[in-house]
Amino acid sequence: MEGRDRYTYVAGIVEGLAHARFVKDAKDTQGRACIYTWFYNDKATIQKIYEAFERYPGTLPGAIVGALAATKCGV
């Protein structure tokens, strides 16, 4: 996947995770905000995600991004 397409794909996963967290947290925005901050504001995050994709090629991308987000923002 090309760089721009890959970033957009990962951003879509992040959007899904953030929304799921919002629903899980009964519309409390704190968890969702943490996920957004982790992904969009920390410029090192995307590279860490790409490295994890390479390290775990047999794991679904959503599972990888979800696990990394959970380490920063909890479950």
N, C-alpha and C. Protein backbone atom coordinates (compact mmCIF):
# COMPACT_ATOMS: atom_id res chain seq x y z
N MET A 1 0.85 -1.17 0.00
CA MET A 1 0.00 0.00 0.00
C MET A 1 0.90 1.24 0.00
N GLU A 2 0.53 2.21 -0.80
CA GLU A 2 1.29 3.46 -0.87
C GLU A 2 1.16 4.25 0.44
N GLY A 3 2.11 5.14 0.70
CA GLY A 3 2.16 5.88 1.94
C GLY A 3 0.89 6.64 2.28
N ARG A 4 0.37 7.40 1.32
CA ARG A 4 -0.84 8.19 1.58
C ARG A 4 -2.03 7.26 1.85
N ASP A 5 -2.14 6.20 1.07
CA ASP A 5 -3.24 5.25 1.26
C ASP A 5 -3.11 4.54 2.60
N ARG A 6 -1.90 4.19 2.96
CA ARG A 6 -1.67 3.49 4.22
C ARG A 6 -2.03 4.39 5.40
N TYR A 7 -1.63 5.64 5.35
CA TYR A 7 -1.97 6.58 6.43
C TYR A 7 -3.48 6.72 6.55
N THR A 8 -4.17 6.87 5.43
CA THR A 8 -5.62 7.02 5.45
C THR A 8 -6.29 5.77 6.01
N TYR A 9 -5.78 4.61 5.64
CA TYR A 9 -6.29 3.35 6.16
C TYR A 9 -6.15 3.29 7.68
N VAL A 10 -4.97 3.64 8.18
CA VAL A 10 -4.73 3.62 9.63
C VAL A 10 -5.60 4.67 10.32
N ALA A 11 -5.74 5.84 9.73
CA ALA A 11 -6.59 6.88 10.32
C ALA A 11 -8.04 6.38 10.43
N GLY A 12 -8.48 5.60 9.46
CA GLY A 12 -9.82 5.02 9.53
C GLY A 12 -9.96 4.05 10.70
N ILE A 13 -8.93 3.26 10.93
CA ILE A 13 -8.93 2.36 12.09
C ILE A 13 -9.01 3.17 13.38
N VAL A 14 -8.22 4.23 13.44
CA VAL A 14 -8.21 5.09 14.63
C VAL A 14 -9.59 5.71 14.85
N GLU A 15 -10.22 6.18 13.79
CA GLU A 15 -11.55 6.76 13.92
C GLU A 15 -12.54 5.74 14.48
N GLY A 16 -12.46 4.51 13.98
CA GLY A 16 -13.34 3.45 14.47
C GLY A 16 -13.08 3.14 15.94
N LEU A 17 -11.81 3.07 16.31
CA LEU A 17 -11.47 2.81 17.72
C LEU A 17 -11.95 3.95 18.62
N ALA A 18 -11.75 5.17 18.18
CA ALA A 18 -12.16 6.33 18.98
C ALA A 18 -13.68 6.34 19.17
N HIS A 19 -14.41 6.03 18.12
CA HIS A 19 -15.86 6.02 18.25
C HIS A 19 -16.32 4.87 19.15
N ALA A 20 -15.72 3.71 18.99
CA ALA A 20 -16.06 2.57 19.84
C ALA A 20 -15.78 2.90 21.31
N ARG A 21 -14.69 3.58 21.56
CA ARG A 21 -14.35 3.97 22.93
C ARG A 21 -15.38 4.95 23.48
N PHE A 22 -15.82 5.90 22.65
CA PHE A 22 -16.83 6.87 23.03
C PHE A 22 -18.13 6.17 23.43
N VAL A 23 -18.55 5.20 22.63
CA VAL A 23 -19.77 4.45 22.93
C VAL A 23 -19.58 3.62 24.19
N LYS A 24 -18.43 2.92 24.30
CA LYS A 24 -18.15 2.09 25.48
C LYS A 24 -18.17 2.92 26.75
N ASP A 25 -17.66 4.14 26.66
CA ASP A 25 -17.57 5.03 27.83
C ASP A 25 -18.85 5.84 28.06
N ALA A 26 -19.96 5.39 27.49
CA ALA A 26 -21.26 6.05 27.67
C ALA A 26 -21.20 7.54 27.32
N LYS A 27 -20.58 7.82 26.19
CA LYS A 27 -20.47 9.18 25.63
C LYS A 27 -19.58 10.13 26.42
N ASP A 28 -18.76 9.58 27.30
CA ASP A 28 -17.72 10.38 27.95
C ASP A 28 -16.61 10.53 26.91
N THR A 29 -16.14 11.72 26.67
CA THR A 29 -15.19 11.97 25.59
C THR A 29 -13.72 11.82 25.96
N GLN A 30 -13.42 11.56 27.21
CA GLN A 30 -12.02 11.52 27.65
C GLN A 30 -11.21 10.43 26.93
N GLY A 31 -11.73 9.23 26.85
CA GLY A 31 -11.01 8.14 26.18
C GLY A 31 -10.83 8.39 24.70
N ARG A 32 -11.89 8.88 24.07
CA ARG A 32 -11.83 9.20 22.64
C ARG A 32 -10.78 10.28 22.40
N ALA A 33 -10.77 11.30 23.25
CA ALA A 33 -9.80 12.39 23.11
C ALA A 33 -8.37 11.87 23.26
N CYS A 34 -8.17 10.93 24.17
CA CYS A 34 -6.84 10.36 24.35
C CYS A 34 -6.37 9.67 23.07
N ILE A 35 -7.26 8.90 22.45
CA ILE A 35 -6.91 8.20 21.22
C ILE A 35 -6.58 9.19 20.11
N TYR A 36 -7.40 10.22 19.97
CA TYR A 36 -7.12 11.24 18.95
C TYR A 36 -5.79 11.94 19.20
N THR A 37 -5.54 12.31 20.44
CA THR A 37 -4.28 12.98 20.78
C THR A 37 -3.10 12.07 20.50
N TRP A 38 -3.21 10.82 20.91
CA TRP A 38 -2.15 9.83 20.69
C TRP A 38 -1.81 9.72 19.21
N PHE A 39 -2.83 9.63 18.37
CA PHE A 39 -2.58 9.41 16.94
C PHE A 39 -2.24 10.70 16.20
N TYR A 40 -3.05 11.72 16.35
CA TYR A 40 -2.89 12.91 15.52
C TYR A 40 -1.85 13.90 16.04
N ASN A 41 -1.60 13.94 17.33
CA ASN A 41 -0.67 14.94 17.87
C ASN A 41 0.74 14.42 18.11
N ASP A 42 0.87 13.13 18.38
CA ASP A 42 2.20 12.54 18.60
C ASP A 42 2.74 12.05 17.27
N LYS A 43 3.64 12.80 16.70
CA LYS A 43 4.15 12.50 15.36
C LYS A 43 4.91 11.18 15.28
N ALA A 44 5.34 10.63 16.41
CA ALA A 44 6.05 9.34 16.41
C ALA A 44 5.09 8.15 16.33
N THR A 45 3.82 8.37 16.58
CA THR A 45 2.86 7.27 16.65
C THR A 45 2.75 6.51 15.33
N ILE A 46 2.63 7.22 14.22
CA ILE A 46 2.42 6.53 12.95
C ILE A 46 3.59 5.62 12.61
N GLN A 47 4.80 6.05 12.90
CA GLN A 47 5.96 5.20 12.64
C GLN A 47 5.95 3.96 13.53
N LYS A 48 5.55 4.12 14.78
CA LYS A 48 5.44 2.97 15.69
C LYS A 48 4.41 1.97 15.18
N ILE A 49 3.32 2.48 14.63
CA ILE A 49 2.30 1.60 14.06
C ILE A 49 2.86 0.85 12.86
N TYR A 50 3.52 1.55 11.96
CA TYR A 50 4.10 0.88 10.78
C TYR A 50 5.13 -0.17 11.19
N GLU A 51 5.93 0.13 12.19
CA GLU A 51 6.91 -0.85 12.68
C GLU A 51 6.23 -2.07 13.27
N ALA A 52 5.13 -1.87 13.97
CA ALA A 52 4.39 -3.00 14.54
C ALA A 52 3.76 -3.84 13.43
N PHE A 53 3.30 -3.21 12.36
CA PHE A 53 2.78 -3.96 11.21
C PHE A 53 3.85 -4.90 10.66
N GLU A 54 5.07 -4.40 10.55
CA GLU A 54 6.17 -5.23 10.04
C GLU A 54 6.55 -6.32 11.02
N ARG A 55 6.51 -6.02 12.30
CA ARG A 55 6.91 -6.97 13.34
C ARG A 55 5.89 -8.10 13.48
N TYR A 56 4.62 -7.81 13.23
CA TYR A 56 3.54 -8.80 13.40
C TYR A 56 2.72 -8.93 12.12
N PRO A 57 3.31 -9.46 11.05
CA PRO A 57 2.63 -9.49 9.76
C PRO A 57 1.37 -10.36 9.73
N GLY A 58 1.24 -11.31 10.63
CA GLY A 58 0.07 -12.17 10.63
C GLY A 58 -1.08 -11.65 11.49
N THR A 59 -0.92 -10.48 12.07
CA THR A 59 -1.93 -9.92 12.96
C THR A 59 -2.73 -8.86 12.20
N LEU A 60 -4.03 -8.84 12.42
CA LEU A 60 -4.88 -7.85 11.75
C LEU A 60 -4.48 -6.43 12.15
N PRO A 61 -4.48 -5.50 11.19
CA PRO A 61 -4.09 -4.12 11.49
C PRO A 61 -4.90 -3.49 12.61
N GLY A 62 -6.20 -3.74 12.66
CA GLY A 62 -7.02 -3.17 13.71
C GLY A 62 -6.61 -3.65 15.09
N ALA A 63 -6.20 -4.91 15.18
CA ALA A 63 -5.75 -5.45 16.46
C ALA A 63 -4.45 -4.78 16.89
N ILE A 64 -3.57 -4.53 15.95
CA ILE A 64 -2.29 -3.89 16.26
C ILE A 64 -2.52 -2.46 16.72
N VAL A 65 -3.29 -1.70 15.97
CA VAL A 65 -3.54 -0.30 16.33
C VAL A 65 -4.30 -0.25 17.67
N GLY A 66 -5.24 -1.14 17.85
CA GLY A 66 -6.00 -1.19 19.10
C GLY A 66 -5.11 -1.47 20.29
N ALA A 67 -4.19 -2.42 20.13
CA ALA A 67 -3.27 -2.75 21.24
C ALA A 67 -2.36 -1.57 21.55
N LEU A 68 -1.86 -0.91 20.53
CA LEU A 68 -0.98 0.25 20.77
C LEU A 68 -1.75 1.39 21.42
N ALA A 69 -2.97 1.62 20.98
CA ALA A 69 -3.79 2.68 21.58
C ALA A 69 -4.09 2.34 23.03
N ALA A 70 -4.35 1.09 23.31
CA ALA A 70 -4.66 0.67 24.69
C ALA A 70 -3.48 0.88 25.62
N THR A 71 -2.25 0.72 25.11
CA THR A 71 -1.09 0.94 25.97
C THR A 71 -0.99 2.40 26.39
N LYS A 72 -1.49 3.29 25.56
CA LYS A 72 -1.44 4.72 25.85
C LYS A 72 -2.70 5.22 26.57
N CYS A 73 -3.85 4.69 26.17
CA CYS A 73 -5.13 5.26 26.62
C CYS A 73 -5.98 4.28 27.43
N GLY A 74 -5.47 3.12 27.72
CA GLY A 74 -6.27 2.14 28.45
C GLY A 74 -7.29 1.47 27.54
N VAL A 75 -8.10 0.66 28.13
CA VAL A 75 -9.05 -0.11 27.35
C VAL A 75 -10.44 0.49 27.47
